[in-house]
Amino acid sequence: MYLAKLLILVANVVMSGSLWFVPMFIYLIIETVITVASEEKHLTTSIPQYVGYKKRTPSVIPFVF
């Protein structure tokens, strides 16, 4: 879901050719990182098995983040 949101914004930048989307892209990257970190903190504290799942599964981009 988060990766799709970022890919759609990249497509908007490329298709429109406008640099006005660049600040929005930077903002969405920061917002997505903060949201993912917050959700993972909540899931780690509320679901004990999530720690093992988190080690096996990437958050947003496979093999990267």
Protein backbone atom coordinates (compact mmCIF):
# COMPACT_ATOMS: atom_id res chain seq x y z
CA MET A 1 0.00 0.00 0.00
CA TYR A 2 2.76 2.47 0.92
CA LEU A 3 4.89 1.50 -2.05
CA ALA A 4 1.91 1.97 -4.38
CA LYS A 5 1.30 5.46 -2.97
CA LEU A 6 4.91 6.45 -3.66
CA LEU A 7 4.92 4.90 -7.14
CA ILE A 8 1.76 6.79 -8.09
CA LEU A 9 3.39 10.05 -7.07
CA VAL A 10 6.53 9.24 -9.08
CA ALA A 11 4.30 8.57 -12.08
CA ASN A 12 2.59 11.94 -11.55
CA VAL A 13 5.96 13.72 -11.55
CA VAL A 14 7.05 11.95 -14.72
CA MET A 15 3.75 12.35 -16.57
CA SER A 16 3.16 15.99 -15.67
CA GLY A 17 6.72 17.17 -16.06
CA SER A 18 6.06 19.67 -13.30
CA LEU A 19 8.54 20.16 -10.51
CA TRP A 20 5.70 21.10 -8.15
CA PHE A 21 5.27 17.40 -7.40
CA VAL A 22 8.85 17.06 -6.09
CA PRO A 23 8.14 18.75 -2.70
CA MET A 24 5.01 16.61 -2.38
CA PHE A 25 7.08 13.50 -3.09
CA ILE A 26 9.61 14.46 -0.41
CA TYR A 27 6.80 15.12 2.05
CA LEU A 28 5.14 11.77 1.30
CA ILE A 29 8.42 9.90 1.75
CA ILE A 30 8.90 11.49 5.18
CA GLU A 31 5.25 10.90 6.12
CA THR A 32 5.41 7.27 4.99
CA VAL A 33 8.59 6.55 6.97
CA ILE A 34 7.06 8.08 10.11
CA THR A 35 3.81 6.17 9.64
CA VAL A 36 5.54 2.83 9.06
CA ALA A 37 7.74 3.32 12.12
CA SER A 38 4.74 4.23 14.27
CA GLU A 39 2.69 1.26 13.05
CA GLU A 40 5.56 -1.18 13.57
CA LYS A 41 6.13 0.13 17.10
CA HIS A 42 2.45 -0.39 17.90
CA LEU A 43 2.35 -3.86 16.33
CA THR A 44 5.55 -4.92 18.11
CA THR A 45 4.14 -3.97 21.51
CA SER A 46 0.66 -5.38 20.95
CA ILE A 47 1.42 -8.64 19.07
CA PRO A 48 4.31 -10.73 20.44
CA GLN A 49 4.68 -12.80 17.23
CA TYR A 50 5.16 -9.67 15.13
CA VAL A 51 8.88 -9.48 15.97
CA GLY A 52 9.54 -12.73 14.09
CA TYR A 53 7.32 -11.66 11.22
CA LYS A 54 9.12 -8.31 10.98
CA LYS A 55 12.49 -10.07 10.65
CA ARG A 56 11.24 -12.14 7.69
CA THR A 57 9.20 -9.51 5.86
CA PRO A 58 10.22 -6.11 4.45
CA SER A 59 8.11 -3.09 5.36
CA VAL A 60 7.78 -1.20 2.11
CA ILE A 61 10.31 -2.17 -0.54
CA PRO A 62 11.43 -5.82 -0.71
CA PHE A 63 15.13 -6.31 0.17
CA VAL A 64 15.53 -2.55 0.89
CA PHE A 65 13.18 -1.18 3.56
